[in-house]
N, C-alpha and C. Protein backbone atom coordinates (compact mmCIF):
# COMPACT_ATOMS: atom_id res chain seq x y z
N UNK A 1 18.02 0.25 -32.60
CA UNK A 1 16.86 0.15 -31.79
C UNK A 1 17.16 -0.35 -30.50
N UNK A 2 16.71 0.37 -29.46
CA UNK A 2 16.89 -0.10 -28.16
C UNK A 2 15.77 -1.06 -27.69
N UNK A 3 16.23 -2.13 -27.02
CA UNK A 3 15.23 -3.10 -26.55
C UNK A 3 14.66 -2.67 -25.22
N UNK A 4 13.20 -2.88 -25.19
CA UNK A 4 12.52 -2.47 -24.03
C UNK A 4 12.95 -3.29 -22.88
N UNK A 5 13.07 -2.69 -21.71
CA UNK A 5 13.43 -3.49 -20.50
C UNK A 5 12.14 -3.94 -19.82
N UNK A 6 12.06 -5.20 -19.43
CA UNK A 6 10.82 -5.73 -18.75
C UNK A 6 10.87 -5.22 -17.32
N UNK A 7 9.67 -4.81 -16.87
CA UNK A 7 9.47 -4.39 -15.51
C UNK A 7 9.41 -5.62 -14.59
N UNK A 8 10.26 -5.72 -13.56
CA UNK A 8 10.32 -6.84 -12.62
C UNK A 8 9.04 -7.00 -11.83
N UNK A 9 8.56 -5.86 -11.31
CA UNK A 9 7.33 -5.78 -10.48
C UNK A 9 6.37 -4.92 -11.10
N UNK A 10 5.40 -5.53 -11.74
CA UNK A 10 4.51 -4.88 -12.79
C UNK A 10 3.49 -3.92 -12.23
N UNK A 11 2.92 -4.24 -11.04
CA UNK A 11 1.72 -3.38 -10.64
C UNK A 11 2.07 -2.43 -9.50
N UNK A 12 1.81 -1.21 -9.83
CA UNK A 12 2.01 -0.14 -8.84
C UNK A 12 0.73 -0.19 -8.03
N UNK A 13 0.87 -0.45 -6.73
CA UNK A 13 -0.34 -0.70 -5.85
C UNK A 13 -0.30 0.38 -4.82
N UNK A 14 -1.42 1.06 -4.73
CA UNK A 14 -1.48 2.21 -3.73
C UNK A 14 -2.84 2.03 -2.99
N UNK A 15 -2.92 2.41 -1.76
CA UNK A 15 -4.20 2.35 -0.96
C UNK A 15 -4.03 3.25 0.25
N UNK A 16 -5.22 3.53 0.88
CA UNK A 16 -5.34 4.17 2.19
C UNK A 16 -5.95 3.06 3.07
N UNK A 17 -5.56 3.06 4.30
CA UNK A 17 -6.02 2.21 5.34
C UNK A 17 -6.32 3.02 6.64
N UNK A 18 -7.60 2.86 7.08
CA UNK A 18 -7.95 3.49 8.37
C UNK A 18 -8.08 2.47 9.38
N UNK A 19 -7.48 2.66 10.50
CA UNK A 19 -7.51 1.81 11.71
C UNK A 19 -8.06 2.61 12.83
N UNK A 20 -9.27 2.28 13.21
CA UNK A 20 -10.01 3.18 14.27
C UNK A 20 -9.55 2.80 15.67
N UNK A 21 -9.46 3.89 16.48
CA UNK A 21 -8.99 3.65 17.87
C UNK A 21 -7.53 3.71 18.04
N UNK A 22 -6.78 3.99 17.07
CA UNK A 22 -5.29 3.94 17.15
C UNK A 22 -4.80 5.39 17.47
N UNK A 23 -3.92 5.47 18.50
CA UNK A 23 -3.23 6.73 18.75
C UNK A 23 -1.98 6.84 18.01
N UNK A 24 -1.21 7.94 18.37
CA UNK A 24 0.05 8.22 17.69
C UNK A 24 1.08 7.01 17.82
N UNK A 25 1.21 6.50 18.99
CA UNK A 25 2.20 5.43 19.18
C UNK A 25 1.70 4.17 18.39
N UNK A 26 0.50 3.83 18.43
CA UNK A 26 -0.07 2.65 17.78
C UNK A 26 0.04 2.87 16.36
N UNK A 27 -0.09 4.09 15.78
CA UNK A 27 0.05 4.35 14.40
C UNK A 27 1.52 4.14 14.02
N UNK A 28 2.43 4.59 14.64
CA UNK A 28 3.88 4.31 14.43
C UNK A 28 4.20 2.85 14.43
N UNK A 29 3.64 2.16 15.43
CA UNK A 29 3.86 0.66 15.44
C UNK A 29 3.24 -0.06 14.28
N UNK A 30 2.07 0.43 13.88
CA UNK A 30 1.38 -0.21 12.73
C UNK A 30 2.18 0.07 11.47
N UNK A 31 2.63 1.20 11.22
CA UNK A 31 3.48 1.56 10.00
C UNK A 31 4.66 0.56 10.06
N UNK A 32 5.34 0.37 11.14
CA UNK A 32 6.47 -0.53 11.21
C UNK A 32 6.01 -2.04 10.88
N UNK A 33 4.91 -2.44 11.52
CA UNK A 33 4.40 -3.76 11.39
C UNK A 33 4.05 -4.09 9.94
N UNK A 34 3.30 -3.04 9.26
CA UNK A 34 2.93 -3.38 7.90
C UNK A 34 4.21 -3.42 6.97
N UNK A 35 5.11 -2.50 7.16
CA UNK A 35 6.43 -2.53 6.37
C UNK A 35 7.09 -3.85 6.51
N UNK A 36 7.27 -4.26 7.78
CA UNK A 36 7.97 -5.51 8.01
C UNK A 36 7.30 -6.64 7.53
N UNK A 37 5.97 -6.69 7.66
CA UNK A 37 5.17 -7.93 7.15
C UNK A 37 5.23 -8.02 5.62
N UNK A 38 5.10 -6.90 4.94
CA UNK A 38 5.22 -6.86 3.47
C UNK A 38 6.58 -7.35 3.00
N UNK A 39 7.62 -6.75 3.63
CA UNK A 39 9.01 -7.02 3.17
C UNK A 39 9.41 -8.52 3.47
N UNK A 40 8.82 -9.13 4.58
CA UNK A 40 9.12 -10.51 4.84
C UNK A 40 8.32 -11.46 4.17
N UNK A 41 7.09 -11.10 3.67
CA UNK A 41 6.17 -12.09 3.08
C UNK A 41 5.90 -11.92 1.64
N UNK A 42 6.06 -10.80 1.01
CA UNK A 42 5.71 -10.55 -0.39
C UNK A 42 6.89 -10.16 -1.12
N UNK A 43 6.86 -10.44 -2.50
CA UNK A 43 7.98 -9.95 -3.33
C UNK A 43 7.49 -8.79 -4.01
N UNK A 44 8.42 -7.68 -4.04
CA UNK A 44 8.23 -6.36 -4.62
C UNK A 44 9.34 -5.41 -4.31
N UNK A 45 9.02 -4.18 -4.71
CA UNK A 45 10.06 -3.16 -4.41
C UNK A 45 9.27 -1.80 -4.31
N UNK A 46 10.09 -0.79 -4.03
CA UNK A 46 9.58 0.61 -3.93
C UNK A 46 8.47 0.77 -2.89
N UNK A 47 8.64 0.10 -1.69
CA UNK A 47 7.58 0.09 -0.66
C UNK A 47 7.76 1.41 0.09
N UNK A 48 6.62 2.09 0.24
CA UNK A 48 6.49 3.19 1.08
C UNK A 48 5.26 3.05 1.94
N UNK A 49 5.50 3.19 3.27
CA UNK A 49 4.36 3.11 4.23
C UNK A 49 4.48 4.21 5.14
N UNK A 50 3.42 5.15 5.14
CA UNK A 50 3.45 6.29 6.05
C UNK A 50 2.08 6.43 6.79
N UNK A 51 2.09 6.98 7.92
CA UNK A 51 0.83 7.15 8.64
C UNK A 51 0.67 8.29 9.48
N UNK A 52 -0.43 8.67 9.82
CA UNK A 52 -0.79 9.83 10.73
C UNK A 52 -2.02 9.54 11.45
N UNK A 53 -2.24 10.29 12.48
CA UNK A 53 -3.47 10.03 13.30
C UNK A 53 -4.35 11.29 13.16
N UNK A 54 -5.69 11.09 13.47
CA UNK A 54 -6.61 12.21 13.46
C UNK A 54 -7.90 11.64 14.07
N UNK A 55 -8.92 12.46 13.97
CA UNK A 55 -10.22 12.15 14.48
C UNK A 55 -11.07 11.42 13.43
N UNK A 56 -11.85 10.42 14.00
CA UNK A 56 -12.84 9.75 13.03
C UNK A 56 -14.04 10.55 12.96
N UNK A 57 -15.07 10.11 12.36
CA UNK A 57 -16.32 10.86 12.17
C UNK A 57 -17.18 11.07 13.44
N UNK A 58 -16.84 10.33 14.42
CA UNK A 58 -17.60 10.53 15.71
C UNK A 58 -16.72 11.05 16.90
N UNK A 59 -15.57 11.55 16.51
CA UNK A 59 -14.68 12.14 17.49
C UNK A 59 -13.68 11.28 18.26
N UNK A 60 -13.62 10.03 17.75
CA UNK A 60 -12.62 9.11 18.27
C UNK A 60 -11.38 9.24 17.47
N UNK A 61 -10.31 8.51 17.83
CA UNK A 61 -9.06 8.51 17.14
C UNK A 61 -8.99 7.40 16.05
N UNK A 62 -8.19 7.77 14.98
CA UNK A 62 -7.94 6.75 13.97
C UNK A 62 -6.59 7.01 13.38
N UNK A 63 -6.01 5.97 12.92
CA UNK A 63 -4.72 6.01 12.14
C UNK A 63 -5.04 5.89 10.69
N UNK A 64 -4.43 6.75 9.89
CA UNK A 64 -4.63 6.58 8.40
C UNK A 64 -3.25 6.31 7.87
N UNK A 65 -3.16 5.20 7.15
CA UNK A 65 -1.93 4.63 6.59
C UNK A 65 -1.98 4.75 5.09
N UNK A 66 -1.00 5.35 4.48
CA UNK A 66 -0.80 5.37 3.03
C UNK A 66 0.27 4.37 2.69
N UNK A 67 -0.09 3.53 1.69
CA UNK A 67 0.84 2.51 1.22
C UNK A 67 0.98 2.58 -0.30
N UNK A 68 2.28 2.48 -0.70
CA UNK A 68 2.69 2.44 -2.10
C UNK A 68 3.74 1.25 -2.32
N UNK A 69 3.41 0.40 -3.23
CA UNK A 69 4.20 -0.80 -3.40
C UNK A 69 4.14 -1.38 -4.86
N UNK A 70 5.25 -1.75 -5.33
CA UNK A 70 5.33 -2.37 -6.69
C UNK A 70 5.44 -3.91 -6.47
N UNK A 71 4.49 -4.63 -7.01
CA UNK A 71 4.48 -6.06 -6.92
C UNK A 71 3.81 -6.71 -8.14
N UNK A 72 3.97 -8.05 -8.23
CA UNK A 72 3.25 -8.79 -9.28
C UNK A 72 1.95 -9.36 -8.67
N UNK A 73 1.71 -9.29 -7.40
CA UNK A 73 0.57 -9.86 -6.74
C UNK A 73 -0.12 -8.90 -5.77
N UNK A 74 -0.73 -7.78 -6.35
CA UNK A 74 -1.27 -6.81 -5.57
C UNK A 74 -2.41 -7.24 -4.69
N UNK A 75 -3.05 -8.27 -5.02
CA UNK A 75 -4.18 -8.77 -4.22
C UNK A 75 -3.66 -9.22 -2.78
N UNK A 76 -2.46 -9.71 -2.78
CA UNK A 76 -1.90 -10.14 -1.44
C UNK A 76 -1.80 -8.96 -0.52
N UNK A 77 -1.30 -7.86 -0.97
CA UNK A 77 -1.17 -6.65 -0.21
C UNK A 77 -2.55 -6.15 0.17
N UNK A 78 -3.52 -6.16 -0.69
CA UNK A 78 -4.85 -5.76 -0.42
C UNK A 78 -5.51 -6.63 0.70
N UNK A 79 -5.36 -7.89 0.50
CA UNK A 79 -5.91 -8.93 1.48
C UNK A 79 -5.36 -8.66 2.83
N UNK A 80 -4.01 -8.52 2.95
CA UNK A 80 -3.36 -8.35 4.16
C UNK A 80 -3.78 -7.07 4.88
N UNK A 81 -3.84 -5.92 4.19
CA UNK A 81 -4.26 -4.69 4.70
C UNK A 81 -5.69 -4.75 5.19
N UNK A 82 -6.48 -5.51 4.50
CA UNK A 82 -7.91 -5.56 4.87
C UNK A 82 -8.05 -6.29 6.27
N UNK A 83 -7.16 -7.04 6.63
CA UNK A 83 -7.21 -7.66 7.99
C UNK A 83 -6.92 -6.67 9.03
N UNK A 84 -6.33 -5.54 8.72
CA UNK A 84 -5.98 -4.52 9.72
C UNK A 84 -7.02 -3.44 9.94
N UNK A 85 -7.86 -3.18 8.89
CA UNK A 85 -8.74 -2.09 9.04
C UNK A 85 -9.52 -1.85 7.72
N UNK A 86 -10.00 -0.67 7.63
CA UNK A 86 -10.84 -0.23 6.38
C UNK A 86 -9.89 0.23 5.22
N UNK A 87 -9.90 -0.47 4.10
CA UNK A 87 -9.21 -0.16 2.98
C UNK A 87 -9.97 0.62 1.95
N UNK A 88 -9.37 1.71 1.37
CA UNK A 88 -10.13 2.47 0.40
C UNK A 88 -9.06 3.23 -0.47
N UNK A 89 -9.60 4.05 -1.46
CA UNK A 89 -8.84 4.68 -2.45
C UNK A 89 -7.72 3.79 -3.06
N UNK A 90 -8.21 2.57 -3.50
CA UNK A 90 -7.34 1.64 -4.02
C UNK A 90 -6.96 1.93 -5.47
N UNK A 91 -5.69 1.87 -5.85
CA UNK A 91 -5.25 2.10 -7.20
C UNK A 91 -4.15 1.02 -7.46
N UNK A 92 -4.49 0.22 -8.56
CA UNK A 92 -3.58 -0.73 -8.99
C UNK A 92 -3.34 -0.37 -10.54
N UNK A 93 -2.09 -0.05 -10.88
CA UNK A 93 -1.81 0.29 -12.21
C UNK A 93 -0.81 -0.71 -12.78
N UNK A 94 -1.04 -1.02 -14.06
CA UNK A 94 -0.16 -1.95 -14.71
C UNK A 94 0.95 -1.06 -15.35
N UNK A 95 2.17 -1.09 -14.82
CA UNK A 95 3.22 -0.17 -15.29
C UNK A 95 3.81 -0.70 -16.57
N UNK A 96 3.70 -1.97 -16.88
CA UNK A 96 4.13 -2.54 -18.17
C UNK A 96 3.39 -2.00 -19.26
N UNK A 97 1.94 -1.97 -19.07
CA UNK A 97 1.09 -1.43 -20.09
C UNK A 97 1.40 0.05 -20.29
N UNK A 98 1.59 0.81 -19.16
CA UNK A 98 1.97 2.23 -19.27
C UNK A 98 3.16 2.41 -20.05
N UNK A 99 4.23 1.61 -19.82
CA UNK A 99 5.51 1.74 -20.58
C UNK A 99 5.38 1.54 -22.04
N UNK A 100 4.36 0.78 -22.41
CA UNK A 100 4.00 0.60 -23.79
C UNK A 100 3.11 1.61 -24.42
N UNK A 101 2.79 2.59 -23.60
CA UNK A 101 1.90 3.71 -24.11
C UNK A 101 0.40 3.37 -23.93
N UNK A 102 0.04 2.33 -23.27
CA UNK A 102 -1.37 1.97 -23.08
C UNK A 102 -1.92 2.41 -21.71
N UNK A 103 -3.12 2.41 -21.57
CA UNK A 103 -3.73 2.89 -20.22
C UNK A 103 -3.53 1.75 -19.20
N UNK A 104 -2.94 2.13 -17.94
CA UNK A 104 -2.64 1.14 -16.98
C UNK A 104 -3.75 0.48 -16.34
């Protein structure tokens, strides 16, 4: 019988972040800033931060950032991102429960 391997970083954390008024250059800087802040301040792995710009609902510019991160403290990531803009489409899945065949 093979022993189950414990997952080091349990929660798969995903979100979208809108930052209004950000152009292409600001979006690129924001992606770097978010990546650096998370890597320097939070414990986790499998970090992906990507962004693109487009128009908001009233014709202004906005940056939309997609974040994916495995951590044991997803609330830290959510709290930090909330300081930058509007956070939505939040998904936090318990990968340990999923590996045991339970709903995440």
